[in-house]
Protein backbone atom coordinates (compact mmCIF):
# COMPACT_ATOMS: atom_id res chain seq x y z
CA MET A 1 -29.74 9.61 -12.45
CA ARG A 2 -31.52 6.27 -12.25
CA GLY A 3 -29.23 3.29 -12.75
CA ASN A 4 -30.12 0.22 -14.77
CA SER A 5 -30.39 -3.33 -13.42
CA SER A 6 -26.76 -4.05 -14.28
CA THR A 7 -25.56 -1.10 -12.15
CA SER A 8 -27.85 -2.14 -9.31
CA ARG A 9 -26.48 -5.69 -9.39
CA ALA A 10 -22.88 -4.39 -9.38
CA LEU A 11 -23.65 -2.16 -6.39
CA ASN A 12 -25.17 -5.09 -4.51
CA ARG A 13 -22.13 -7.22 -5.29
CA ARG A 14 -19.83 -4.55 -3.92
CA LEU A 15 -22.00 -4.10 -0.85
CA ILE A 16 -22.02 -7.83 0.00
CA LEU A 17 -18.33 -8.42 -0.74
CA ASN A 18 -17.22 -5.50 1.39
CA LEU A 19 -19.50 -6.65 4.21
CA LEU A 20 -17.84 -10.05 4.16
CA ARG A 21 -14.37 -8.44 3.95
CA ARG A 22 -15.03 -6.40 7.08
CA HIS A 23 -17.07 -8.83 9.16
CA GLY A 24 -16.00 -12.29 8.00
CA PRO A 25 -18.46 -15.19 7.48
CA VAL A 26 -22.14 -14.32 7.92
CA SER A 27 -25.34 -16.03 6.80
CA ARG A 28 -27.59 -14.93 3.96
CA ALA A 29 -30.23 -13.81 6.46
CA GLU A 30 -27.63 -11.72 8.32
CA ILE A 31 -26.46 -10.18 5.05
CA ALA A 32 -30.04 -9.10 4.29
CA THR A 33 -30.51 -7.63 7.79
CA ILE A 34 -27.22 -5.72 7.81
CA THR A 35 -27.37 -4.40 4.25
CA GLY A 36 -31.10 -3.79 4.00
CA LEU A 37 -31.28 -5.79 0.77
CA SER A 38 -34.22 -8.08 0.20
CA PRO A 39 -33.68 -11.82 0.83
CA ALA A 40 -34.35 -12.40 -2.88
CA ALA A 41 -31.67 -9.89 -3.91
CA VAL A 42 -29.15 -11.45 -1.50
CA THR A 43 -29.92 -14.95 -2.77
CA PHE A 44 -29.46 -13.85 -6.39
CA VAL A 45 -26.14 -12.05 -5.83
CA VAL A 46 -24.75 -14.80 -3.57
CA ALA A 47 -25.55 -17.45 -6.17
CA GLU A 48 -23.81 -15.41 -8.83
CA LEU A 49 -20.71 -14.92 -6.66
CA VAL A 50 -20.60 -18.60 -5.71
CA GLU A 51 -20.72 -19.55 -9.39
CA GLU A 52 -17.72 -17.23 -9.98
CA SER A 53 -15.88 -18.81 -7.01
CA LEU A 54 -15.62 -15.41 -5.35
CA ILE A 55 -17.51 -16.54 -2.27
CA VAL A 56 -17.96 -19.95 -0.66
CA GLU A 57 -20.22 -21.58 1.89
CA ARG A 58 -18.42 -22.42 5.12
CA GLU A 59 -19.39 -25.23 7.50
CA ALA A 60 -22.40 -24.46 9.69
CA VAL A 61 -22.01 -24.85 13.42
CA THR A 62 -24.52 -26.90 15.41
CA GLY A 63 -25.43 -25.29 18.74
CA ALA A 64 -27.86 -25.87 21.61
CA THR A 65 -30.73 -24.52 19.54
CA GLY A 66 -29.93 -26.68 16.53
CA ARG A 67 -28.01 -26.17 13.31
CA ARG A 68 -27.18 -22.52 12.59
CA PRO A 69 -27.60 -20.97 9.12
CA VAL A 70 -24.81 -21.66 6.63
CA PRO A 71 -22.22 -18.85 6.77
CA ILE A 72 -21.01 -17.23 3.56
CA ASP A 73 -17.39 -16.08 3.20
CA ILE A 74 -15.08 -14.65 0.56
CA ASN A 75 -13.15 -17.37 -1.23
CA TYR A 76 -9.82 -15.65 -0.87
CA GLU A 77 -7.83 -18.71 -1.92
CA ALA A 78 -9.51 -19.27 -5.30
CA HIS A 79 -8.08 -16.28 -7.15
CA LEU A 80 -4.60 -14.76 -7.40
CA ALA A 81 -3.03 -11.37 -7.79
CA PHE A 82 0.50 -10.31 -8.70
CA GLY A 83 2.17 -7.33 -7.05
CA PHE A 84 5.31 -5.61 -8.37
CA LYS A 85 7.19 -2.82 -6.59
CA LEU A 86 9.56 -1.07 -9.01
CA ASN A 87 12.95 -0.05 -7.64
CA ALA A 88 16.04 1.37 -9.30
CA ASP A 89 18.05 -1.81 -8.70
CA GLY A 90 15.33 -4.46 -8.99
CA ILE A 91 11.68 -5.40 -8.70
CA ASP A 92 10.11 -6.84 -5.56
CA CYS A 93 7.55 -9.40 -6.75
CA VAL A 94 4.81 -11.27 -4.95
CA LEU A 95 1.98 -13.62 -5.85
CA THR A 96 -0.91 -13.42 -3.39
CA ASP A 97 -4.42 -14.60 -2.76
CA LEU A 98 -7.28 -12.05 -2.71
CA ALA A 99 -6.41 -11.10 0.89
CA THR A 100 -2.84 -10.27 -0.25
CA ASN A 101 -1.42 -13.24 1.68
CA PRO A 102 1.87 -14.11 -0.06
CA LEU A 103 2.03 -17.44 -1.90
CA ALA A 104 5.33 -16.84 -3.64
CA THR A 105 7.92 -14.04 -3.57
CA TRP A 106 10.69 -13.14 -5.93
CA HIS A 107 13.28 -10.40 -6.33
CA ALA A 108 14.16 -9.62 -9.92
CA PRO A 109 17.51 -7.79 -10.17
CA ILE A 110 17.47 -5.32 -13.02
CA SER A 111 20.01 -3.10 -14.74
CA ASP A 112 17.71 -1.82 -17.48
CA THR A 113 15.18 0.60 -15.94
CA SER A 114 13.65 1.49 -19.30
CA PRO A 115 9.96 0.62 -19.70
CA ASP A 116 10.87 -2.36 -21.90
CA GLY A 117 13.38 -3.60 -19.35
CA MET A 118 10.90 -3.36 -16.47
CA ILE A 119 8.09 -5.01 -18.45
CA LYS A 120 10.33 -7.86 -19.56
CA ALA A 121 11.42 -8.50 -15.97
CA ILE A 122 7.81 -8.63 -14.79
CA ALA A 123 6.76 -10.92 -17.63
CA ASP A 124 9.67 -13.27 -16.86
CA ALA A 125 8.91 -13.34 -13.10
CA MET A 126 5.24 -14.28 -13.43
CA PRO A 127 5.59 -17.92 -14.66
CA GLN A 128 8.40 -18.50 -12.16
CA MET A 129 6.19 -17.52 -9.21
CA LEU A 130 3.25 -19.52 -10.51
CA ALA A 131 5.49 -22.56 -10.75
CA ASP A 132 6.87 -21.98 -7.24
CA SER A 133 3.36 -21.83 -5.79
CA GLY A 134 1.93 -24.68 -7.87
CA ARG A 135 -0.83 -22.43 -9.21
CA SER A 136 -2.18 -21.70 -12.70
CA GLN A 137 -2.27 -18.64 -14.91
CA THR A 138 -6.04 -19.08 -15.22
CA GLU A 139 -6.38 -18.27 -11.51
CA VAL A 140 -4.79 -14.83 -11.90
CA MET A 141 -7.36 -12.03 -11.76
CA GLY A 142 -5.01 -9.08 -12.02
CA ILE A 143 -1.62 -7.37 -11.61
CA GLY A 144 -0.79 -4.34 -9.51
CA VAL A 145 2.36 -2.28 -10.03
CA SER A 146 3.59 0.44 -7.70
CA ILE A 147 5.84 3.10 -9.19
CA PRO A 148 7.82 5.81 -7.36
CA GLY A 149 6.55 9.05 -8.84
CA GLU A 150 3.36 10.78 -9.93
CA VAL A 151 0.77 8.46 -11.40
CA ASP A 152 -2.48 9.22 -13.23
CA VAL A 153 -4.44 6.28 -11.86
CA ARG A 154 -7.54 6.73 -13.95
CA ASN A 155 -5.62 6.65 -17.23
CA GLY A 156 -2.82 4.28 -16.15
CA ILE A 157 -0.08 6.78 -16.94
CA CYS A 158 3.09 7.48 -15.00
CA ARG A 159 3.20 11.22 -15.37
CA ARG A 160 6.67 11.58 -13.85
CA SER A 161 9.21 9.34 -12.17
CA PRO A 162 12.48 11.15 -11.45
CA ARG A 163 13.99 7.88 -10.24
CA PHE A 164 13.55 6.28 -13.69
CA GLY A 165 13.45 9.36 -15.89
CA TRP A 166 9.93 8.54 -17.13
CA THR A 167 7.44 11.16 -18.33
CA ASP A 168 3.86 10.57 -19.48
CA LEU A 169 4.41 6.83 -19.84
CA PRO A 170 1.30 4.61 -20.33
CA PHE A 171 2.94 1.83 -18.29
CA GLY A 172 -0.32 0.08 -17.38
CA GLN A 173 -1.37 -0.27 -21.02
CA LEU A 174 2.09 -1.41 -22.15
CA LEU A 175 2.33 -4.08 -19.48
CA GLY A 176 -1.28 -5.26 -19.97
CA GLU A 177 -0.66 -5.72 -23.68
CA ARG A 178 2.47 -7.76 -22.94
CA VAL A 179 1.09 -10.15 -20.31
CA HIS A 180 -2.63 -10.14 -21.26
CA VAL A 181 -3.79 -9.72 -17.66
CA PRO A 182 -5.81 -6.77 -16.26
CA THR A 183 -3.28 -4.31 -14.80
CA TRP A 184 -3.54 -1.51 -12.24
CA ILE A 185 -0.78 0.98 -11.45
CA ASP A 186 -0.34 3.54 -8.70
CA ASP A 187 2.40 5.26 -6.73
CA ASP A 188 4.08 3.41 -3.86
CA ILE A 189 2.44 5.04 -0.91
CA SER A 190 -1.08 4.92 -2.39
CA ALA A 191 -0.66 1.20 -3.02
CA PHE A 192 0.41 0.76 0.62
CA ALA A 193 -2.66 2.76 1.70
CA VAL A 194 -4.98 0.57 -0.41
CA ALA A 195 -3.65 -2.53 1.32
CA GLN A 196 -4.12 -0.91 4.72
CA LYS A 197 -7.65 0.15 3.80
CA LEU A 198 -8.61 -3.32 2.66
CA PHE A 199 -6.85 -5.64 5.09
CA GLY A 200 -4.57 -3.66 7.42
CA ALA A 201 -4.69 -1.22 10.32
CA GLY A 202 -7.03 1.07 8.37
CA ARG A 203 -9.57 -1.65 7.67
CA ASP A 204 -12.23 -0.23 10.02
CA ARG A 205 -11.33 3.46 9.57
CA ARG A 206 -12.95 5.89 7.21
CA ASN A 207 -10.41 8.66 7.73
CA PHE A 208 -6.72 7.95 8.26
CA VAL A 209 -3.28 8.85 7.00
CA ALA A 210 -0.80 6.30 5.68
CA LEU A 211 2.75 7.53 6.33
CA ALA A 212 5.77 5.77 4.83
CA VAL A 213 9.37 6.49 5.75
CA GLY A 214 12.11 4.75 3.79
CA THR A 215 14.10 5.78 0.77
CA GLY A 216 11.58 8.62 0.56
CA ILE A 217 8.84 10.00 2.75
CA GLY A 218 5.23 10.04 1.61
CA THR A 219 1.65 10.10 2.79
CA SER A 220 -1.67 9.03 1.42
CA LEU A 221 -4.83 10.62 2.76
CA ILE A 222 -7.91 8.42 3.12
CA ILE A 223 -11.02 10.57 3.48
CA ASN A 224 -14.45 8.96 3.79
CA ALA A 225 -12.88 5.59 2.93
CA GLU A 226 -11.40 6.86 -0.36
CA ILE A 227 -7.89 7.96 -1.24
CA TYR A 228 -7.83 11.71 -1.73
CA ARG A 229 -5.75 12.31 -4.86
CA GLY A 230 -6.33 16.01 -5.51
CA ALA A 231 -7.08 17.77 -8.78
CA ARG A 232 -3.91 16.49 -10.52
CA ASN A 233 -3.30 13.15 -8.76
CA VAL A 234 -0.43 14.56 -6.65
CA ALA A 235 -2.03 14.99 -3.22
CA GLY A 236 -0.06 13.63 -0.25
CA ARG A 237 3.45 14.60 -1.42
CA PHE A 238 4.43 15.02 2.20
CA GLY A 239 8.09 14.34 1.58
CA HIS A 240 8.31 17.36 -0.73
CA ILE A 241 7.18 19.90 1.85
CA THR A 242 9.96 22.47 2.18
CA SER A 243 11.57 21.79 5.53
CA VAL A 244 14.89 23.63 5.12
CA PRO A 245 14.68 26.54 2.64
CA GLY A 246 17.62 26.33 0.27
CA GLY A 247 18.71 23.07 1.90
CA ARG A 248 19.88 19.76 0.51
CA LEU A 249 19.14 18.78 -3.08
CA CYS A 250 16.17 16.40 -3.37
CA GLU A 251 15.71 13.81 -6.13
CA CYS A 252 12.80 15.94 -7.40
CA GLY A 253 15.30 18.68 -8.33
CA ARG A 254 14.23 21.13 -5.60
CA ARG A 255 16.16 21.99 -2.44
CA GLY A 256 15.17 21.61 1.17
CA CYS A 257 12.45 18.95 0.86
CA LEU A 258 11.55 17.02 4.01
CA MET A 259 12.69 13.71 2.49
CA ALA A 260 16.11 15.20 1.68
CA HIS A 261 16.50 16.02 5.38
CA ALA A 262 14.82 13.07 7.12
CA ALA A 263 14.45 9.98 4.90
CA GLU A 264 16.77 6.97 5.18
CA PRO A 265 19.44 8.24 2.74
CA PHE A 266 19.83 11.34 4.91
CA MET A 267 19.95 9.27 8.11
CA LEU A 268 22.64 6.98 6.71
CA GLU A 269 24.74 9.81 5.25
CA THR A 270 24.59 11.78 8.47
CA TRP A 271 25.57 8.74 10.54
CA ARG A 272 28.42 7.86 8.20
CA THR A 273 29.76 11.40 8.49
CA ARG A 274 29.71 11.24 12.26
CA ARG A 275 31.28 7.77 12.28
CA ARG A 276 34.08 8.88 9.96
CA ALA A 277 34.76 11.86 12.19
CA ALA A 278 35.23 9.45 15.11
CA SER A 279 37.10 6.72 13.22
CA ALA A 280 38.31 6.72 9.65
CA SER A 281 37.97 2.93 9.48
CA ALA A 282 34.40 2.82 10.81
CA SER A 283 32.05 0.67 8.71
CA ALA A 284 29.02 2.48 7.36
CA SER A 285 26.51 0.19 5.60
CA ARG A 286 22.80 0.18 6.32
CA SER A 287 23.12 -3.12 8.15
CA ASP A 288 25.81 -1.52 10.31
CA PHE A 289 23.44 1.36 11.04
CA VAL A 290 20.71 -1.09 12.06
CA ALA A 291 23.17 -2.89 14.33
CA ALA A 292 24.24 0.40 15.86
CA VAL A 293 20.65 1.33 16.59
CA GLU A 294 19.99 -2.06 18.15
CA ALA A 295 23.14 -1.68 20.27
CA GLY A 296 21.98 1.72 21.45
CA GLU A 297 24.89 3.65 19.90
CA ALA A 298 24.43 7.35 20.73
CA ASP A 299 25.26 8.71 17.27
CA ALA A 300 22.79 6.36 15.56
CA LEU A 301 20.01 7.13 18.02
CA SER A 302 20.60 10.85 17.72
CA VAL A 303 20.26 10.66 13.93
CA LEU A 304 16.91 8.87 14.29
CA GLU A 305 15.76 11.35 16.88
CA GLU A 306 16.60 14.35 14.72
CA SER A 307 14.85 12.87 11.69
CA GLY A 308 11.84 11.78 13.74
CA LEU A 309 11.40 15.17 15.32
CA ARG A 310 11.53 16.85 11.93
CA ILE A 311 8.96 14.44 10.46
CA GLY A 312 6.69 14.78 13.48
CA ARG A 313 6.73 18.59 13.37
CA HIS A 314 5.45 18.58 9.80
CA LEU A 315 3.09 15.69 10.49
CA ALA A 316 1.38 17.93 13.10
CA ASP A 317 0.44 20.33 10.31
CA LEU A 318 -1.13 17.48 8.38
CA VAL A 319 -3.12 16.43 11.45
CA ASN A 320 -4.28 20.00 12.02
CA LEU A 321 -5.50 20.17 8.43
CA PHE A 322 -7.20 16.78 8.09
CA ASP A 323 -7.89 15.40 11.62
CA PRO A 324 -7.34 11.70 10.81
CA GLU A 325 -8.56 8.95 13.15
CA VAL A 326 -5.14 7.25 13.13
CA ILE A 327 -1.83 7.41 11.29
CA VAL A 328 -0.66 4.06 9.90
CA VAL A 329 3.13 4.04 9.63
CA GLY A 330 5.02 1.92 7.14
CA GLY A 331 8.23 1.89 5.15
CA GLU A 332 11.60 0.28 5.78
CA ALA A 333 12.45 2.74 8.57
CA VAL A 334 9.73 1.23 10.74
CA GLN A 335 12.42 -1.35 11.49
CA PHE A 336 13.95 1.21 13.88
CA GLY A 337 10.86 1.05 16.07
CA GLU A 338 10.40 3.52 18.90
CA ALA A 339 13.85 5.02 18.27
CA LEU A 340 12.24 6.73 15.26
CA ILE A 341 8.49 6.54 15.94
CA GLY A 342 8.88 7.89 19.46
CA PRO A 343 10.36 11.23 18.31
CA ILE A 344 7.79 11.44 15.50
CA ARG A 345 5.01 11.05 18.04
CA LEU A 346 6.61 13.47 20.50
CA ALA A 347 6.99 16.27 17.93
CA MET A 348 3.57 15.67 16.42
CA GLU A 349 1.76 15.79 19.75
CA ALA A 350 3.72 18.89 20.81
CA ASN A 351 2.57 20.79 17.72
CA VAL A 352 -1.02 19.64 17.05
CA PHE A 353 -3.89 21.99 17.85
CA PHE A 354 -6.29 19.49 19.35
CA SER A 355 -6.40 15.99 17.86
CA LYS A 356 -3.68 13.48 18.82
CA PRO A 357 -4.18 10.47 16.54
CA GLU A 358 -2.48 7.22 17.42
CA LEU A 359 0.53 6.11 15.37
CA LEU A 360 0.04 2.48 14.31
CA PRO A 361 3.13 0.81 12.83
CA ASP A 362 2.02 -1.85 10.33
CA TRP A 363 4.92 -3.13 8.27
CA VAL A 364 6.32 -6.53 7.42
CA PRO A 365 8.92 -7.57 4.83
CA GLY A 366 7.32 -7.44 1.40
CA SER A 367 4.73 -4.81 2.31
CA TRP A 368 5.49 -2.67 -0.75
CA ALA A 369 4.85 -5.55 -3.16
CA ARG A 370 1.76 -6.68 -1.22
CA GLY A 371 0.49 -3.12 -1.49
CA ALA A 372 0.90 -3.36 -5.24
CA ALA A 373 -1.06 -6.63 -5.27
CA ALA A 374 -3.84 -4.86 -3.37
CA LEU A 375 -4.30 -2.57 -6.35
CA ALA A 376 -5.52 -5.62 -8.27
CA THR A 377 -7.60 -7.16 -5.48
CA GLN A 378 -9.23 -3.80 -4.89
CA GLY A 379 -10.99 -4.29 -8.22
CA ILE A 380 -13.00 -7.13 -6.64
CA PHE A 381 -14.32 -4.84 -3.92
CA ASP A 382 -14.85 -1.72 -6.04
CA PHE A 383 -16.18 -2.44 -9.52
CA GLU A 384 -15.80 1.20 -10.59
CA ARG A 385 -12.02 0.98 -10.59
CA SER A 386 -11.15 -0.10 -14.10
CA PRO A 387 -7.72 -1.58 -14.86
CA SER A 388 -5.08 0.56 -16.48
CA GLY A 389 -4.27 -1.98 -19.13
């Protein structure tokens, strides 16, 4: 089907913006050479993007052969995005620039996990973060929200969230109507994968797996630079692979899921049980577990090893099926470093058929919320992704 001039212009915009995102500042002439667009087409699109403050001219460098052409770059600082990661006990909030660099962060405690309660908390947090950063509402180009559960991205509907008891909830539309800002929603791990695809360890990869280990365990599959979602938007539910038939009860209602036998709640419960067996007065908080790992306590390290080996064994099956270039690892459990990642790697490499992709930890505090913000900034680089609300 032949596209019209508007479609062609949108495609050219996407092509140029993604070139600048990957390569950094380049001149108009270099853009034409790399993309194959005519100089006239590049000039037209660049002028349009400059007028919208999406790109900016950087300072040209004078060399031995004279003044070099003026480089063009994305104006990451000119526009803002909000990111909100929904949790059962609160919302992690961030205000970022277009590269998802945090400008303001906020944690909104919440006792009401109803849709109205969540939406009110988000609406209340937005002006606070704008004030903290000294920025204006007019600079905000979008909101991203990550939700634990199954999300219909195209229609902006949370199909199911066992953590909140939501079913077929048009959360994107409801929030967009409340705050009057374009809104995108997705599940947690897909939002993390989008951030990795745009600006993280997956930036120059067309095929990779994003693996997150924390309260749950999940994966997102990036195939040919796109998230593979499956026929019903539930691809990548790695944590719900049956690992122990008839085993522990998972939050999804089934028994024996991988996350019920290897995610952080399992690690902590197992360690607490072992600690109590050794000493009835032993402390057993997460911070104590972290301290025990850092101190090299045998029980804590053995728990991480057991969980890591289980995750790695199943991860090998994923590698055998999809052959990713790399596996980007995130989630709160990345804090445990090689004590967890080492066993994952060991079990994966022992069970793969041929390919042994590198495990690349890429996690900093606030990564979940920054991933949510990337859902909004992604709209700049892919015009076909319409907001949910």
